[in-house]
Protein backbone atom coordinates (compact mmCIF):
# COMPACT_ATOMS: atom_id res chain seq x y z
CA MET A 1 -27.70 -67.20 101.12
CA THR A 2 -25.48 -64.25 100.31
CA PRO A 3 -22.42 -64.02 98.07
CA THR A 4 -19.19 -65.26 99.61
CA ALA A 5 -16.27 -62.89 100.21
CA MET A 6 -14.74 -63.92 96.86
CA ASN A 7 -18.05 -63.34 95.08
CA PHE A 8 -18.51 -60.03 96.84
CA GLN A 9 -15.31 -58.70 95.26
CA THR A 10 -16.60 -59.51 91.79
CA THR A 11 -20.04 -58.22 92.69
CA ALA A 12 -18.45 -54.98 93.88
CA ARG A 13 -16.71 -54.60 90.50
CA SER A 14 -19.99 -55.13 88.65
CA LEU A 15 -21.67 -52.47 90.81
CA ARG A 16 -18.89 -49.91 90.36
CA GLY A 17 -20.17 -46.65 88.96
CA LEU A 18 -23.71 -47.07 90.26
CA THR A 19 -25.23 -44.52 92.58
CA ASP A 20 -25.62 -45.61 96.18
CA ASP A 21 -29.38 -45.87 95.68
CA ASP A 22 -28.96 -48.10 92.61
CA THR A 23 -26.41 -50.28 94.40
CA TYR A 24 -28.74 -50.76 97.37
CA ASP A 25 -31.61 -51.46 95.00
CA VAL A 26 -29.67 -54.22 93.21
CA LEU A 27 -28.45 -55.82 96.43
CA ARG A 28 -31.78 -55.48 98.25
CA SER A 29 -33.17 -58.49 96.41
CA GLU A 30 -31.86 -61.86 97.55
CA ARG A 31 -32.61 -63.28 94.11
CA ARG A 32 -30.38 -60.63 92.48
CA ARG A 33 -27.62 -61.35 95.01
CA LEU A 34 -27.90 -65.07 94.22
CA ALA A 35 -27.84 -64.30 90.50
CA LEU A 36 -24.64 -62.29 90.90
CA ALA A 37 -23.07 -65.13 92.91
CA ALA A 38 -24.12 -67.75 90.34
CA LEU A 39 -22.86 -65.65 87.44
CA ASP A 40 -19.57 -65.10 89.24
CA GLU A 41 -19.00 -68.86 89.29
CA ARG A 42 -19.65 -69.39 85.58
CA SER A 43 -18.38 -67.91 82.35
CA PRO A 44 -20.91 -66.05 80.20
CA PRO A 45 -22.77 -66.51 78.05
CA MET A 46 -25.18 -68.31 80.35
CA ASP A 47 -28.62 -69.55 79.45
CA LEU A 48 -31.49 -68.18 81.54
CA GLY A 49 -32.68 -71.69 82.37
CA ASN A 50 -29.29 -72.69 83.77
CA VAL A 51 -29.05 -69.57 85.93
CA ALA A 52 -32.62 -70.10 87.13
CA ALA A 53 -31.90 -73.72 88.09
CA GLU A 54 -28.78 -72.64 90.00
CA ILE A 55 -30.68 -69.94 91.89
CA ALA A 56 -33.70 -72.17 92.59
CA GLY A 57 -31.36 -74.77 94.05
CA ARG A 58 -29.65 -72.20 96.25
CA GLU A 59 -32.98 -70.85 97.46
CA VAL A 60 -34.13 -74.26 98.70
CA ASP A 61 -30.63 -75.59 99.45
CA THR A 62 -30.67 -78.53 97.05
CA ASP A 63 -28.80 -79.60 93.94
CA HIS A 64 -32.04 -80.72 92.29
CA PRO A 65 -34.81 -78.11 92.57
CA ASP A 66 -38.21 -79.05 91.18
CA GLU A 67 -39.25 -77.73 87.78
CA GLU A 68 -42.01 -75.54 89.22
CA ASN A 69 -39.52 -73.60 91.35
CA VAL A 70 -37.09 -73.30 88.44
CA THR A 71 -39.85 -71.98 86.18
CA HIS A 72 -40.92 -69.43 88.80
CA VAL A 73 -37.32 -68.20 89.18
CA GLU A 74 -36.84 -68.12 85.40
CA ILE A 75 -39.93 -65.94 84.92
CA SER A 76 -38.89 -63.48 87.64
CA LEU A 77 -35.35 -63.23 86.25
CA HIS A 78 -36.54 -62.70 82.68
CA HIS A 79 -39.24 -60.14 83.41
CA ASN A 80 -37.87 -58.34 86.45
CA HIS A 81 -34.36 -58.91 87.74
CA PHE A 82 -32.24 -59.25 84.59
CA PRO A 83 -33.83 -56.30 82.77
CA LYS A 84 -33.29 -54.12 85.85
CA MET A 85 -29.66 -55.25 86.19
CA ASP A 86 -29.12 -54.81 82.43
CA GLU A 87 -30.53 -51.28 82.54
CA LEU A 88 -28.13 -50.40 85.35
CA GLY A 89 -25.15 -51.96 83.51
CA VAL A 90 -24.55 -54.70 86.08
CA LEU A 91 -24.86 -57.35 83.39
CA GLU A 92 -25.84 -57.64 79.74
CA TYR A 93 -28.98 -59.70 79.14
CA ASP A 94 -30.30 -60.60 75.70
CA ARG A 95 -34.07 -61.03 76.09
CA ASP A 96 -34.46 -62.67 72.67
CA SER A 97 -31.90 -65.42 73.19
CA GLN A 98 -32.53 -65.46 76.96
CA GLN A 99 -28.82 -65.39 77.72
CA VAL A 100 -26.64 -63.38 80.03
CA ILE A 101 -23.98 -62.21 77.60
CA GLN A 102 -21.72 -60.49 80.08
CA ALA A 103 -21.59 -60.06 83.85
CA GLY A 104 -19.58 -57.53 85.77
């Protein structure tokens, strides 16, 4: 699944100012694209667990993903994807509270 046209506009705003290489790096990962789409549909702050459940559901095309998948997504977001996106300024992620404070 990729962001819709509406989501792509918001995603484009959140990627503004990045180098081409950084932009491609962020969008290369389907999980990061799904995170941007999920965050676009909600108002921050968002709890890591809620974002992970949304993404896990999108990855397997269900409204009720199993806990194992959600946990796997949550771990990858917390340790890999959100820190990378935070470092690039695409979003603001608070590792201690495990919340996305701001997106875009």
